């Protein structure tokens, strides 16, 4: 992109807001890019470069082409991996094989849920299924596995491997083992069939868990119809309406949205049975044991001990009005704050770039280049931040392309990620204004993005967030601590009209408000995590609803509401099966890192560099607990994790003194 093009984009953005900001301090380019409405593209003859710059993806049919190319390259790389002598080349070929499939599958995974064009979504869905099926077959390819075992079974060759190469080789072998490579032909085919069946069941449950329920209009008082979507003679209920001030609206939504669906109940029961059957088939005690191998927790028994100990130590412990904070938290100023934070900690800048024609899927998507002061360009972040019809209401980080050293080109393959939020658009009179919760979510997701950007792994198989689930959330949760520290916020939070800074007392109240019912919120997460563990343990010979009722009583305390089935809305069972505890464990680690390393000076460059070196740089190329130990310079215990979470709920009496003085 030319400097002129970039400059003209910034100038246009700045001039758009000149009449609104009343001489407020000028926004930086990155702030201006996010606080202005996007300009429509005027050059109708500009070449369509395809989504994310992939030429084939200038139209939906291009997914077939991209898939065909990826599968053709897969065949060549499988042949190469099976024929080359054991050594570093073997692992590099495996990583190339993984990279070629992931670059298409990961991109399709994002497009199938986020693209506004149904034709693109449908084409991407087909690609996901086709490549997913190929991956499951590769994971049980005996010749492919044998080439890896020949490498790892030779102590002389293993001794010559660097630590990253050895770990990646072991992780690839682990993928073979949990897929049943050691089974005979008949049982191996059964394992593949179960994997393929689970792909369908996972998709069916995921789609169903977000579908609305409906009820006859006549069954609901007429004055409440306006709160729900009308569908002829029915009312559609697509969520819990937990933020509604009307008690009756919340009760109706709860009863209808969570009403049991027989087909979904059968789907979940079958899904859990298939997972258990697959785990037993490949030699594990339960699906939980299979899923937790390689994580920080290691076993379901450790997870349940962690959850029970945390439950035993919790005890119940100032509300804020979010709209009072929003004028100080325009999206542009928050992005400036992130830019300043990353510059101070890592020497990294976020630079707005104007995407080429066809590169993005919606005109309001912003593109950021992540540039290090000495290392240069680190990668790209596409920011899909604004609400649009049909877009999922979820905050997510997607890896589109993983970073890796390309032996074939002698260059580093730059990572590409998407951050997806669902924020309101800027208007003629004001930029997009965030609530404190929205700002915290923005910082959280940007934590994932920087994990992807700052890692410089040799292999894409372990790039960035491709690490054990109970470690992957640590960088994102740690960013939440920066988001509520006045020393960080004071650098950017300014009223979008007056330029006045956000008062320190308001930040202090914000921090304390998070502790109100904090124990109850944590207890709810414990309940979800425990339910997930029991579902993925040994078969219970009772319904998923009966299990939920018991776990809710044991770990949450609130009574079960008859004729509801919350578990059918628990979509995390698909992507976090047996690993939902990861959020709590990651929060514990993030809390310890914050208190030990950043609380004294959250903008300390030396500590930022240490954090990058010890935790962010490795992706999944290093055992997660070793990374934690390297950062904390000690070996934490389960009790340390629990104490870190419980101590978060202690009130800060300085806040009450500040309030009384003001």
Foldseek 3Di string as FASTA:
>chain_A
DDPVVLVVQQVVLQVLCPVQAAPFPGFDSLLSLQQGFFDDDDPPPFDACAAQSPNLRLDLCSLVVLLVVLVVVLVVLLVVLLPDAAALVNLVSVLVNVQSLLLSLLQLVCQLFFFPDPSNNVSSVVSNLVSQLVVLVVLQPQSNLVSLCNRVVDVVRLVVDDLLSNLSSVVSNLSSLLLQNVDPPVLSVVSSVLSSVLVVLLVVLLVQLQAWFKDFPVVDPPVCQVVFDDDVRITTQRDQPVVDPDPVSNVVSQQGRQFDDVVLLVSLVVSLVSLQVSNVSSPHQWSLQSQQCLAPQNGLVSLVVLLVVLLVPFDADFADDQVVQFLLAFPSLLLVLVQVLCCLAFQKGWRWDDDGRNHDSDSSWTKTFIAHPPPGTQAIEIEAAEADPSRDQDWDKGWSGAWAQDPVVRHIDHTYMYTYHHFHQNDSNTGGTDGLVRSLSVQLRVLQVVLRRLAHRNGRCQGRLNARLLQSSQSSLLSSVLSLDCVSQQVGRARSHPRHHDDPLVSLSVLLNCLNCVSLVVLVLSLVLVLLQVSGHPDPPDGSVVSSQVSCCVRRNDHDDPSGHCVSNVSVCSVQRSNSCSVLLSNLLSLLLCVQQQVVPVSHRVLSVQLSVLPSHCRHSDRSQSSSCSSNVHRDDSVSSSVSSNVSNDRDCVSVVVVVVD
